[in-house]
Amino acid sequence: MAVRKFLDGLYLWSGYLAALFLVAIALTIVAQIIGRFFGVAIDSTESAGFSLAASTFLGLAYTFRYDGHIRVTLLIRLAKGPMARATELWGVGFCIAAMGYMTYWACDLVYFSYMFGDISPGLLAIPFWIPRSAMALGSLILTIALVDEFIGIVSGKTPSYVENSTALFQREDD
């Protein structure tokens, strides 16, 4: 029970962080507009781009758990019984492999950005490992959510993205 509560909290806080970075995008653009009004040049392109990447990756796990991702469910809807579960497991398993691969290389990118002291080319000169770490963290949290989902499906539970779905048409479990 404690693990379930921790994981649900992790996904929720990841979603909150994603929302916070969306607010950061709005604030940087508003600052740029106000700056132009007073004749001050504020470059918000870079910080808004970094915030967009952070918001995108940090929001992945929360969005996955609450059925916000686009899924092609044609095969799963046609499958019945054990075949439906096998199809679901294959899909989630494939995503685990893909996100595990991405997470590894995202963490590698953060590490080498830090080691080589990569700096962004814009006016702010932000060390690249800082915005890239949000990508790595978001990828890691999504990978954890996928493994969590896989374990749940293997143990016979309804997938969270089906349980939390707001779709009009849902698959009927046998």
Protein backbone atom coordinates (compact mmCIF):
# COMPACT_ATOMS: atom_id res chain seq x y z
CA MET A 1 0.00 0.00 0.00
CA ALA A 2 2.81 2.41 0.84
CA VAL A 3 4.45 1.79 -2.53
CA ARG A 4 1.18 2.50 -4.35
CA LYS A 5 0.73 5.75 -2.44
CA PHE A 6 4.34 6.77 -3.16
CA LEU A 7 4.04 6.03 -6.89
CA ASP A 8 0.71 7.83 -7.23
CA GLY A 9 2.25 10.81 -5.42
CA LEU A 10 5.28 10.68 -7.73
CA TYR A 11 3.07 10.80 -10.82
CA LEU A 12 0.93 13.58 -9.35
CA TRP A 13 3.93 15.73 -8.37
CA SER A 14 5.45 15.16 -11.77
CA GLY A 15 2.22 16.53 -13.23
CA TYR A 16 2.37 19.52 -10.87
CA LEU A 17 5.93 20.25 -11.98
CA ALA A 18 4.82 20.06 -15.60
CA ALA A 19 2.09 22.59 -14.86
CA LEU A 20 4.59 24.81 -13.07
CA PHE A 21 6.77 24.88 -16.18
CA LEU A 22 3.72 25.83 -18.26
CA VAL A 23 3.26 28.78 -15.92
CA ALA A 24 6.96 29.59 -16.39
CA ILE A 25 6.40 29.76 -20.15
CA ALA A 26 3.55 32.20 -19.67
CA LEU A 27 5.57 34.33 -17.25
CA THR A 28 8.58 34.57 -19.56
CA ILE A 29 6.38 35.61 -22.47
CA VAL A 30 4.54 38.17 -20.35
CA ALA A 31 7.92 39.51 -19.16
CA GLN A 32 9.03 39.84 -22.78
CA ILE A 33 5.85 41.73 -23.69
CA ILE A 34 6.18 44.06 -20.71
CA GLY A 35 9.86 44.55 -21.48
CA ARG A 36 9.06 45.60 -25.05
CA PHE A 37 6.52 48.08 -23.73
CA PHE A 38 9.29 49.77 -21.70
CA GLY A 39 11.94 49.41 -24.41
CA VAL A 40 13.86 46.61 -22.69
CA ALA A 41 14.84 43.57 -24.75
CA ILE A 42 14.12 40.34 -22.88
CA ASP A 43 14.94 37.10 -24.66
CA SER A 44 12.35 34.58 -23.57
CA THR A 45 12.78 32.17 -26.45
CA GLU A 46 15.41 30.03 -24.77
CA SER A 47 13.85 29.86 -21.32
CA ALA A 48 10.40 29.23 -22.81
CA GLY A 49 11.86 26.41 -24.91
CA PHE A 50 13.55 24.84 -21.89
CA SER A 51 10.32 25.15 -19.92
CA LEU A 52 8.38 23.57 -22.76
CA ALA A 53 10.72 20.57 -22.83
CA ALA A 54 10.51 20.23 -19.03
CA SER A 55 6.72 20.50 -19.07
CA THR A 56 6.43 17.93 -21.84
CA PHE A 57 8.65 15.28 -20.26
CA LEU A 58 7.55 15.80 -16.66
CA GLY A 59 3.91 15.53 -17.70
CA LEU A 60 4.31 12.20 -19.49
CA ALA A 61 3.76 9.83 -16.53
CA TYR A 62 0.77 11.72 -15.15
CA THR A 63 -0.79 11.92 -18.59
CA PHE A 64 -0.18 8.20 -19.17
CA ARG A 65 -1.80 7.18 -15.90
CA TYR A 66 -4.89 9.29 -16.59
CA ASP A 67 -5.43 8.23 -20.21
CA GLY A 68 -4.28 11.46 -21.80
CA HIS A 69 -2.01 9.79 -24.34
CA ILE A 70 -3.31 8.78 -27.71
CA ARG A 71 -3.55 5.01 -27.91
CA VAL A 72 -4.58 2.92 -30.86
CA THR A 73 -6.92 0.44 -29.23
CA LEU A 74 -8.29 -1.30 -32.31
CA LEU A 75 -6.50 -4.60 -31.66
CA ILE A 76 -7.09 -4.51 -27.92
CA ARG A 77 -10.81 -3.92 -28.41
CA LEU A 78 -11.09 -6.81 -30.85
CA ALA A 79 -9.14 -9.18 -28.61
CA LYS A 80 -10.96 -11.08 -25.92
CA GLY A 81 -9.83 -12.86 -22.75
CA PRO A 82 -6.18 -13.88 -22.54
CA MET A 83 -5.43 -12.43 -25.97
CA ALA A 84 -6.55 -8.98 -24.80
CA ARG A 85 -4.22 -9.19 -21.82
CA ALA A 86 -1.35 -10.42 -24.01
CA THR A 87 -1.89 -7.55 -26.43
CA GLU A 88 -1.96 -5.06 -23.56
CA LEU A 89 1.22 -6.55 -22.08
CA TRP A 90 2.97 -6.45 -25.45
CA GLY A 91 2.09 -2.78 -25.92
CA VAL A 92 3.20 -1.73 -22.44
CA GLY A 93 6.28 -3.97 -22.65
CA PHE A 94 7.32 -2.38 -25.93
CA CYS A 95 6.90 1.07 -24.37
CA ILE A 96 9.05 0.01 -21.40
CA ALA A 97 11.83 -1.02 -23.77
CA ALA A 98 11.58 2.21 -25.79
CA MET A 99 11.41 4.48 -22.75
CA GLY A 100 14.16 2.56 -20.96
CA TYR A 101 16.39 3.14 -23.97
CA MET A 102 15.47 6.83 -24.09
CA THR A 103 15.94 7.25 -20.34
CA TYR A 104 19.41 5.73 -20.51
CA TRP A 105 20.51 8.08 -23.27
CA ALA A 106 18.81 11.11 -21.69
CA CYS A 107 20.73 10.47 -18.45
CA ASP A 108 23.91 9.97 -20.49
CA LEU A 109 23.30 13.32 -22.19
CA VAL A 110 22.84 15.05 -18.83
CA TYR A 111 26.00 13.48 -17.45
CA PHE A 112 28.17 14.47 -20.39
CA SER A 113 26.64 17.94 -20.57
CA TYR A 114 27.68 18.38 -16.96
CA MET A 115 31.13 16.86 -17.46
CA PHE A 116 31.93 18.99 -20.52
CA GLY A 117 30.34 22.15 -19.12
CA ASP A 118 27.99 22.68 -22.09
CA ILE A 119 26.39 26.10 -21.97
CA SER A 120 23.37 27.24 -23.98
CA PRO A 121 24.22 29.72 -26.75
CA GLY A 122 21.58 32.30 -25.81
CA LEU A 123 21.78 35.45 -23.72
CA LEU A 124 21.16 33.58 -20.47
CA ALA A 125 24.03 31.06 -20.88
CA ILE A 126 22.33 28.31 -18.89
CA PRO A 127 24.34 25.12 -18.28
CA PHE A 128 22.67 22.55 -20.56
CA TRP A 129 22.59 19.84 -17.90
CA ILE A 130 19.93 21.77 -15.99
CA PRO A 131 17.15 21.77 -18.63
CA ARG A 132 18.23 18.37 -19.92
CA SER A 133 17.84 16.89 -16.44
CA ALA A 134 14.09 17.59 -16.62
CA MET A 135 13.96 15.49 -19.78
CA ALA A 136 15.86 12.66 -18.10
CA LEU A 137 13.74 12.84 -14.95
CA GLY A 138 10.47 12.87 -16.90
CA SER A 139 11.62 9.91 -18.98
CA LEU A 140 12.61 8.01 -15.85
CA ILE A 141 9.26 8.67 -14.16
CA LEU A 142 7.38 7.51 -17.27
CA THR A 143 9.51 4.36 -17.38
CA ILE A 144 8.64 3.71 -13.74
CA ALA A 145 4.93 4.27 -14.53
CA LEU A 146 5.13 1.81 -17.42
CA VAL A 147 6.80 -0.86 -15.27
CA ASP A 148 4.17 -0.20 -12.59
CA GLU A 149 1.44 -0.64 -15.19
CA PHE A 150 3.03 -3.82 -16.57
CA ILE A 151 3.16 -5.37 -13.10
CA GLY A 152 -0.47 -4.39 -12.54
CA ILE A 153 -1.59 -5.98 -15.81
CA VAL A 154 0.35 -9.18 -15.07
CA SER A 155 -1.32 -9.38 -11.67
CA GLY A 156 -4.76 -9.12 -13.29
CA LYS A 157 -5.65 -5.50 -12.55
CA THR A 158 -7.38 -3.24 -15.04
CA PRO A 159 -4.84 -0.81 -16.52
CA SER A 160 -4.99 2.62 -14.90
CA TYR A 161 -5.38 4.34 -18.25
CA VAL A 162 -8.50 2.24 -18.87
CA GLU A 163 -9.78 2.73 -15.33
CA ASN A 164 -9.24 6.50 -15.46
CA SER A 165 -10.43 6.84 -19.04
CA THR A 166 -12.93 9.48 -20.00
CA ALA A 167 -13.34 7.99 -23.45
CA LEU A 168 -16.81 7.27 -24.75
CA PHE A 169 -15.94 3.75 -25.77
CA GLN A 170 -14.04 1.55 -23.39
CA ARG A 171 -12.90 -2.03 -23.68
CA GLU A 172 -14.98 -4.48 -21.70
CA ASP A 173 -12.89 -6.75 -19.48
CA ASP A 174 -13.68 -10.43 -19.58
